[in-house]
Amino acid sequence: MSTDISLKGELMYLGQGHLATAASLLFQAYQNDPLFQSIFQVEKEGYAQRLRAAIREELAVFHEHQQPMFGLFHDDTLEGVVCMTRPGSNFGPERFWHWRLRMLLTAGYVSTKQMLEKERIIAEAMPVQNYHMLTFIAVHPNYQQQGLGDLLVHAARNELENHEESAGIALLATRSEYGKFFASRGFHELRSLQVGEIKGQLMFLAREDKEVVENSAE
């Protein structure tokens, strides 16, 4: 898919050739995220290597199983990324065995276990069974404060619209500014979650909420 959305950039599905650049962008965005710092043990040597490896493995398995990954490009420059899982994709705690093996070899046992525990906690807290999960969303530091985050949310909403079996889009916001950003774009808080030592807001954009938001914007 390639969608010309504005002069700000072009949304495209991320292919194999984009994964390394997308992984680098996501690392820059998430290296200071408190949840990832907890999961990948920021206090221990090798934190950056573990986080980089985990992001690479996530993107690889997303690509392998054709999960929605969108990049926002201006010419050949990747300015933003959003990644989601579709309903019924078995991307919860019962991960593919080869993904687990690769994660164990690259990110380590403790980090792999905590990643799976995070997903289990989120899945058990959700009031619906079929939904998209927004796992990554980031704008490159050089291109922030230009409205690009809205374009990535727009891509996520379009993905929801194309899958009638999905009740909505869920995400876990681990910073107050993240929660405020998504709340102003139609997401509402379901509950507060504790993942290890980190608290976050489990947020959800229901399909009917999406329609209300879009109608009010017209």
C-alpha atoms as a PDB file:
ATOM      1  CA  MET A   1       0.000   0.000   0.000  1.00  0.00           C
ATOM      2  CA  SER A   2       1.103   3.506  -0.786  1.00  0.00           C
ATOM      3  CA  THR A   3      -1.126   6.401   0.247  1.00  0.00           C
ATOM      4  CA  ASP A   4      -0.303  10.019  -0.490  1.00  0.00           C
ATOM      5  CA  ILE A   5      -1.793  11.743   2.571  1.00  0.00           C
ATOM      6  CA  SER A   6      -0.322  15.234   2.433  1.00  0.00           C
ATOM      7  CA  LEU A   7       2.745  17.249   1.639  1.00  0.00           C
ATOM      8  CA  LYS A   8       4.102  16.024   4.980  1.00  0.00           C
ATOM      9  CA  GLY A   9       4.863  12.570   3.663  1.00  0.00           C
ATOM     10  CA  GLU A  10       3.695   9.312   2.179  1.00  0.00           C
ATOM     11  CA  LEU A  11       2.466   6.282   4.133  1.00  0.00           C
ATOM     12  CA  MET A  12       3.711   2.931   2.878  1.00  0.00           C
ATOM     13  CA  TYR A  13       3.764  -0.633   4.085  1.00  0.00           C
ATOM     14  CA  LEU A  14       7.227  -1.424   5.383  1.00  0.00           C
ATOM     15  CA  GLY A  15       8.996  -4.076   3.339  1.00  0.00           C
ATOM     16  CA  GLN A  16      12.070  -6.173   4.048  1.00  0.00           C
ATOM     17  CA  GLY A  17      14.360  -3.420   2.827  1.00  0.00           C
ATOM     18  CA  HIS A  18      12.946  -0.929   5.350  1.00  0.00           C
ATOM     19  CA  LEU A  19      13.278  -3.051   8.490  1.00  0.00           C
ATOM     20  CA  ALA A  20      16.809  -2.030   9.519  1.00  0.00           C
ATOM     21  CA  THR A  21      16.001   1.681   9.220  1.00  0.00           C
ATOM     22  CA  ALA A  22      12.709   1.206  11.051  1.00  0.00           C
ATOM     23  CA  ALA A  23      14.460  -0.691  13.856  1.00  0.00           C
ATOM     24  CA  SER A  24      16.978   2.131  14.265  1.00  0.00           C
ATOM     25  CA  LEU A  25      14.196   4.728  14.455  1.00  0.00           C
ATOM     26  CA  LEU A  26      12.258   2.701  17.020  1.00  0.00           C
ATOM     27  CA  PHE A  27      15.356   2.184  19.146  1.00  0.00           C
ATOM     28  CA  GLN A  28      15.878   5.938  19.340  1.00  0.00           C
ATOM     29  CA  ALA A  29      12.246   6.406  20.314  1.00  0.00           C
ATOM     30  CA  TYR A  30      12.003   3.658  22.944  1.00  0.00           C
ATOM     31  CA  GLN A  31      15.430   3.543  24.573  1.00  0.00           C
ATOM     32  CA  ASN A  32      14.230   5.873  27.360  1.00  0.00           C
ATOM     33  CA  ASP A  33      10.796   4.288  27.747  1.00  0.00           C
ATOM     34  CA  PRO A  34      10.427   3.155  31.394  1.00  0.00           C
ATOM     35  CA  LEU A  35       8.767  -0.141  30.498  1.00  0.00           C
ATOM     36  CA  PHE A  36      11.464  -1.152  28.027  1.00  0.00           C
ATOM     37  CA  GLN A  37      14.143  -0.024  30.456  1.00  0.00           C
ATOM     38  CA  SER A  38      12.605  -2.337  33.043  1.00  0.00           C
ATOM     39  CA  ILE A  39      12.112  -5.300  30.726  1.00  0.00           C
ATOM     40  CA  PHE A  40      15.592  -5.123  29.194  1.00  0.00           C
ATOM     41  CA  GLN A  41      17.371  -4.235  32.454  1.00  0.00           C
ATOM     42  CA  VAL A  42      18.784  -0.787  31.799  1.00  0.00           C
ATOM     43  CA  GLU A  43      20.887  -1.064  34.942  1.00  0.00           C
ATOM     44  CA  LYS A  44      22.895  -3.963  33.499  1.00  0.00           C
ATOM     45  CA  GLU A  45      25.580  -3.844  30.849  1.00  0.00           C
ATOM     46  CA  GLY A  46      24.338  -4.520  27.347  1.00  0.00           C
ATOM     47  CA  TYR A  47      20.925  -2.823  27.657  1.00  0.00           C
ATOM     48  CA  ALA A  48      21.178  -1.140  24.258  1.00  0.00           C
ATOM     49  CA  GLN A  49      22.165  -4.393  22.551  1.00  0.00           C
ATOM     50  CA  ARG A  50      19.258  -6.285  24.148  1.00  0.00           C
ATOM     51  CA  LEU A  51      16.723  -3.627  23.180  1.00  0.00           C
ATOM     52  CA  ARG A  52      18.038  -3.377  19.615  1.00  0.00           C
ATOM     53  CA  ALA A  53      17.895  -7.158  19.252  1.00  0.00           C
ATOM     54  CA  ALA A  54      14.338  -7.330  20.566  1.00  0.00           C
ATOM     55  CA  ILE A  55      13.119  -4.614  18.206  1.00  0.00           C
ATOM     56  CA  ARG A  56      14.784  -6.349  15.246  1.00  0.00           C
ATOM     57  CA  GLU A  57      13.127  -9.650  16.164  1.00  0.00           C
ATOM     58  CA  GLU A  58       9.726  -8.005  16.607  1.00  0.00           C
ATOM     59  CA  LEU A  59       9.898  -6.384  13.186  1.00  0.00           C
ATOM     60  CA  ALA A  60      11.157  -9.585  11.585  1.00  0.00           C
ATOM     61  CA  VAL A  61       8.250 -11.651  12.917  1.00  0.00           C
ATOM     62  CA  PHE A  62       5.782  -8.888  12.010  1.00  0.00           C
ATOM     63  CA  HIS A  63       7.085  -8.953   8.450  1.00  0.00           C
ATOM     64  CA  GLU A  64       7.142 -12.751   8.304  1.00  0.00           C
ATOM     65  CA  HIS A  65       3.507 -12.989   9.394  1.00  0.00           C
ATOM     66  CA  GLN A  66       2.333  -9.981   7.375  1.00  0.00           C
ATOM     67  CA  GLN A  67       1.246  -7.826  10.278  1.00  0.00           C
ATOM     68  CA  PRO A  68       0.526  -4.143   9.482  1.00  0.00           C
ATOM     69  CA  MET A  69       3.668  -1.998   9.609  1.00  0.00           C
ATOM     70  CA  PHE A  70       3.483   1.474   8.109  1.00  0.00           C
ATOM     71  CA  GLY A  71       6.282   3.914   7.459  1.00  0.00           C
ATOM     72  CA  LEU A  72       5.910   7.627   6.881  1.00  0.00           C
ATOM     73  CA  PHE A  73       8.360   8.695   4.187  1.00  0.00           C
ATOM     74  CA  HIS A  74       9.426  12.041   2.787  1.00  0.00           C
ATOM     75  CA  ASP A  75      11.278  11.196  -0.400  1.00  0.00           C
ATOM     76  CA  ASP A  76      13.561   8.356   0.757  1.00  0.00           C
ATOM     77  CA  THR A  77      13.700   9.445   4.417  1.00  0.00           C
ATOM     78  CA  LEU A  78      11.783   7.383   6.966  1.00  0.00           C
ATOM     79  CA  GLU A  79      10.272   9.882   9.395  1.00  0.00           C
ATOM     80  CA  GLY A  80       7.857   7.732  11.397  1.00  0.00           C
ATOM     81  CA  VAL A  81       6.718   4.158  12.032  1.00  0.00           C
ATOM     82  CA  VAL A  82       3.577   2.507  13.389  1.00  0.00           C
ATOM     83  CA  CYS A  83       3.233  -1.258  13.928  1.00  0.00           C
ATOM     84  CA  MET A  84       0.131  -3.227  14.917  1.00  0.00           C
ATOM     85  CA  THR A  85      -1.077  -6.787  15.306  1.00  0.00           C
ATOM     86  CA  ARG A  86      -4.368  -7.947  13.815  1.00  0.00           C
ATOM     87  CA  PRO A  87      -7.064  -9.896  15.692  1.00  0.00           C
ATOM     88  CA  GLY A  88      -6.490 -13.617  15.899  1.00  0.00           C
ATOM     89  CA  SER A  89      -2.788 -13.343  15.049  1.00  0.00           C
ATOM     90  CA  ASN A  90      -1.543 -15.315  18.081  1.00  0.00           C
ATOM     91  CA  PHE A  91       0.817 -12.536  18.999  1.00  0.00           C
ATOM     92  CA  GLY A  92      -0.031 -12.827  22.666  1.00  0.00           C
ATOM     93  CA  PRO A  93       1.805 -14.883  25.285  1.00  0.00           C
ATOM     94  CA  GLU A  94       1.646 -18.031  23.111  1.00  0.00           C
ATOM     95  CA  ARG A  95       4.356 -16.796  20.754  1.00  0.00           C
ATOM     96  CA  PHE A  96       5.867 -18.745  17.895  1.00  0.00           C
ATOM     97  CA  TRP A  97       8.555 -21.081  19.166  1.00  0.00           C
ATOM     98  CA  HIS A  98      11.178 -19.813  16.687  1.00  0.00           C
ATOM     99  CA  TRP A  99      10.541 -16.221  17.834  1.00  0.00           C
ATOM    100  CA  ARG A 100      11.104 -17.327  21.418  1.00  0.00           C
ATOM    101  CA  LEU A 101      14.337 -19.064  20.478  1.00  0.00           C
ATOM    102  CA  ARG A 102      15.697 -16.040  18.609  1.00  0.00           C
ATOM    103  CA  MET A 103      14.721 -13.742  21.481  1.00  0.00           C
ATOM    104  CA  LEU A 104      16.397 -16.029  24.005  1.00  0.00           C
ATOM    105  CA  LEU A 105      19.597 -16.010  21.967  1.00  0.00           C
ATOM    106  CA  THR A 106      19.644 -12.234  21.409  1.00  0.00           C
ATOM    107  CA  ALA A 107      17.794 -10.512  24.263  1.00  0.00           C
ATOM    108  CA  GLY A 108      18.214 -13.175  26.944  1.00  0.00           C
ATOM    109  CA  TYR A 109      15.930 -15.298  29.101  1.00  0.00           C
ATOM    110  CA  VAL A 110      14.829 -12.631  31.592  1.00  0.00           C
ATOM    111  CA  SER A 111      13.914 -10.056  28.951  1.00  0.00           C
ATOM    112  CA  THR A 112      12.070 -12.628  26.813  1.00  0.00           C
ATOM    113  CA  LYS A 113      10.087 -13.826  29.826  1.00  0.00           C
ATOM    114  CA  GLN A 114       9.155 -10.269  30.788  1.00  0.00           C
ATOM    115  CA  MET A 115       8.073  -9.422  27.228  1.00  0.00           C
ATOM    116  CA  LEU A 116       5.716 -12.409  27.257  1.00  0.00           C
ATOM    117  CA  GLU A 117       4.462 -11.504  30.730  1.00  0.00           C
ATOM    118  CA  LYS A 118       3.664  -7.968  29.549  1.00  0.00           C
ATOM    119  CA  GLU A 119       1.574  -9.346  26.697  1.00  0.00           C
ATOM    120  CA  ARG A 120      -0.220 -11.790  29.009  1.00  0.00           C
ATOM    121  CA  ILE A 121      -1.162  -9.019  31.428  1.00  0.00           C
ATOM    122  CA  ILE A 122      -2.529  -6.846  28.621  1.00  0.00           C
ATOM    123  CA  ALA A 123      -4.494  -9.705  27.023  1.00  0.00           C
ATOM    124  CA  GLU A 124      -6.109 -10.681  30.327  1.00  0.00           C
ATOM    125  CA  ALA A 125      -7.102  -7.075  31.050  1.00  0.00           C
ATOM    126  CA  MET A 126      -8.834  -6.508  27.703  1.00  0.00           C
ATOM    127  CA  PRO A 127     -12.658  -6.667  27.815  1.00  0.00           C
ATOM    128  CA  VAL A 128     -12.875  -7.862  24.180  1.00  0.00           C
ATOM    129  CA  GLN A 129     -11.296 -10.780  22.329  1.00  0.00           C
ATOM    130  CA  ASN A 130     -10.793  -9.424  18.823  1.00  0.00           C
ATOM    131  CA  TYR A 131      -8.835  -6.203  18.566  1.00  0.00           C
ATOM    132  CA  HIS A 132      -5.763  -4.635  17.036  1.00  0.00           C
ATOM    133  CA  MET A 133      -2.800  -4.015  19.343  1.00  0.00           C
ATOM    134  CA  LEU A 134      -0.687  -0.958  18.640  1.00  0.00           C
ATOM    135  CA  THR A 135       2.790  -2.116  19.622  1.00  0.00           C
ATOM    136  CA  PHE A 136       5.084   0.606  18.241  1.00  0.00           C
ATOM    137  CA  ILE A 137       4.474   4.195  17.168  1.00  0.00           C
ATOM    138  CA  ALA A 138       7.268   6.722  16.814  1.00  0.00           C
ATOM    139  CA  VAL A 139       8.406   9.791  14.915  1.00  0.00           C
ATOM    140  CA  HIS A 140      12.114  10.372  14.340  1.00  0.00           C
ATOM    141  CA  PRO A 141      13.458  13.033  16.752  1.00  0.00           C
ATOM    142  CA  ASN A 142      14.399  15.275  13.819  1.00  0.00           C
ATOM    143  CA  TYR A 143      10.783  15.458  12.592  1.00  0.00           C
ATOM    144  CA  GLN A 144       8.733  15.754  15.763  1.00  0.00           C
ATOM    145  CA  GLN A 145       6.245  18.559  16.504  1.00  0.00           C
ATOM    146  CA  GLN A 146       5.149  18.612  12.848  1.00  0.00           C
ATOM    147  CA  GLY A 147       1.894  16.688  13.126  1.00  0.00           C
ATOM    148  CA  LEU A 148       3.397  13.428  11.903  1.00  0.00           C
ATOM    149  CA  GLY A 149       2.089  11.519  14.909  1.00  0.00           C
ATOM    150  CA  ASP A 150      -1.443  12.295  13.744  1.00  0.00           C
ATOM    151  CA  LEU A 151      -0.670  10.772  10.362  1.00  0.00           C
ATOM    152  CA  LEU A 152       0.515   7.558  12.012  1.00  0.00           C
ATOM    153  CA  VAL A 153      -2.670   7.401  14.095  1.00  0.00           C
ATOM    154  CA  HIS A 154      -4.589   7.971  10.861  1.00  0.00           C
ATOM    155  CA  ALA A 155      -2.872   4.906   9.378  1.00  0.00           C
ATOM    156  CA  ALA A 156      -3.838   2.842  12.436  1.00  0.00           C
ATOM    157  CA  ARG A 157      -7.471   3.949  12.114  1.00  0.00           C
ATOM    158  CA  ASN A 158      -7.519   3.010   8.444  1.00  0.00           C
ATOM    159  CA  GLU A 159      -6.199  -0.432   9.343  1.00  0.00           C
ATOM    160  CA  LEU A 160      -9.043  -0.827  11.857  1.00  0.00           C
ATOM    161  CA  GLU A 161     -11.584   0.268   9.260  1.00  0.00           C
ATOM    162  CA  ASN A 162     -10.416  -2.475   6.905  1.00  0.00           C
ATOM    163  CA  HIS A 163     -11.022  -5.255   9.447  1.00  0.00           C
ATOM    164  CA  GLU A 164     -14.652  -5.457  10.546  1.00  0.00           C
ATOM    165  CA  GLU A 165     -13.908  -8.295  12.964  1.00  0.00           C
ATOM    166  CA  SER A 166     -11.783  -5.965  15.103  1.00  0.00           C
ATOM    167  CA  ALA A 167     -13.502  -4.200  18.015  1.00  0.00           C
ATOM    168  CA  GLY A 168     -10.876  -1.465  18.129  1.00  0.00           C
ATOM    169  CA  ILE A 169      -7.251  -0.575  18.819  1.00  0.00           C
ATOM    170  CA  ALA A 170      -5.556  -1.168  22.177  1.00  0.00           C
ATOM    171  CA  LEU A 171      -2.259   0.204  23.469  1.00  0.00           C
ATOM    172  CA  LEU A 172      -0.299   0.557  26.700  1.00  0.00           C
ATOM    173  CA  ALA A 173       0.841   4.112  27.479  1.00  0.00           C
ATOM    174  CA  THR A 174       3.751   4.151  29.924  1.00  0.00           C
ATOM    175  CA  ARG A 175       4.248   7.924  30.094  1.00  0.00           C
ATOM    176  CA  SER A 176       1.713  10.597  30.981  1.00  0.00           C
ATOM    177  CA  GLU A 177       2.463  12.487  27.766  1.00  0.00           C
ATOM    178  CA  TYR A 178       1.698   9.343  25.768  1.00  0.00           C
ATOM    179  CA  GLY A 179      -1.642   9.002  27.534  1.00  0.00           C
ATOM    180  CA  LYS A 180      -2.529  12.642  26.861  1.00  0.00           C
ATOM    181  CA  PHE A 181      -1.584  12.309  23.184  1.00  0.00           C
ATOM    182  CA  PHE A 182      -3.814   9.311  22.597  1.00  0.00           C
ATOM    183  CA  ALA A 183      -6.663  10.596  24.786  1.00  0.00           C
ATOM    184  CA  SER A 184      -6.848  13.711  22.608  1.00  0.00           C
ATOM    185  CA  ARG A 185      -7.200  11.440  19.569  1.00  0.00           C
ATOM    186  CA  GLY A 186     -10.165   9.396  20.720  1.00  0.00           C
ATOM    187  CA  PHE A 187      -8.574   6.715  22.911  1.00  0.00           C
ATOM    188  CA  HIS A 188      -9.918   6.251  26.428  1.00  0.00           C
ATOM    189  CA  GLU A 189      -8.342   4.599  29.446  1.00  0.00           C
ATOM    190  CA  LEU A 190      -9.663   1.149  30.317  1.00  0.00           C
ATOM    191  CA  ARG A 191      -7.606   0.708  33.460  1.00  0.00           C
ATOM    192  CA  SER A 192      -4.213   1.166  35.031  1.00  0.00           C
ATOM    193  CA  LEU A 193      -1.878  -1.814  34.657  1.00  0.00           C
ATOM    194  CA  GLN A 194       1.195  -2.854  36.586  1.00  0.00           C
ATOM    195  CA  VAL A 195       3.873  -4.577  34.520  1.00  0.00           C
ATOM    196  CA  GLY A 196       6.719  -5.473  36.837  1.00  0.00           C
ATOM    197  CA  GLU A 197       7.624  -2.227  38.575  1.00  0.00           C
ATOM    198  CA  ILE A 198       6.114  -0.006  35.889  1.00  0.00           C
ATOM    199  CA  LYS A 199       2.580   1.356  35.794  1.00  0.00           C
ATOM    200  CA  GLY A 200       0.856   2.193  32.531  1.00  0.00           C
ATOM    201  CA  GLN A 201      -2.517   3.130  31.084  1.00  0.00           C
ATOM    202  CA  LEU A 202      -4.277   0.466  29.048  1.00  0.00           C
ATOM    203  CA  MET A 203      -6.065   2.545  26.402  1.00  0.00           C
ATOM    204  CA  PHE A 204      -8.577   1.635  23.719  1.00  0.00           C
ATOM    205  CA  LEU A 205     -10.124   3.203  20.638  1.00  0.00           C
ATOM    206  CA  ALA A 206     -13.354   1.277  20.038  1.00  0.00           C
ATOM    207  CA  ARG A 207     -14.718   1.055  16.519  1.00  0.00           C
ATOM    208  CA  GLU A 208     -17.749   3.172  17.480  1.00  0.00           C
ATOM    209  CA  ASP A 209     -15.458   5.729  19.161  1.00  0.00           C
ATOM    210  CA  LYS A 210     -13.465   5.964  15.943  1.00  0.00           C
ATOM    211  CA  GLU A 211     -16.620   6.818  14.020  1.00  0.00           C
ATOM    212  CA  VAL A 212     -17.617   9.490  16.565  1.00  0.00           C
ATOM    213  CA  VAL A 213     -14.158  11.075  16.427  1.00  0.00           C
ATOM    214  CA  GLU A 214     -14.154  11.138  12.636  1.00  0.00           C
ATOM    215  CA  ASN A 215     -17.670  12.583  12.426  1.00  0.00           C
ATOM    216  CA  SER A 216     -16.837  15.349  14.901  1.00  0.00           C
ATOM    217  CA  ALA A 217     -13.760  16.274  12.856  1.00  0.00           C
ATOM    218  CA  GLU A 218     -15.756  16.770   9.670  1.00  0.00           C
END
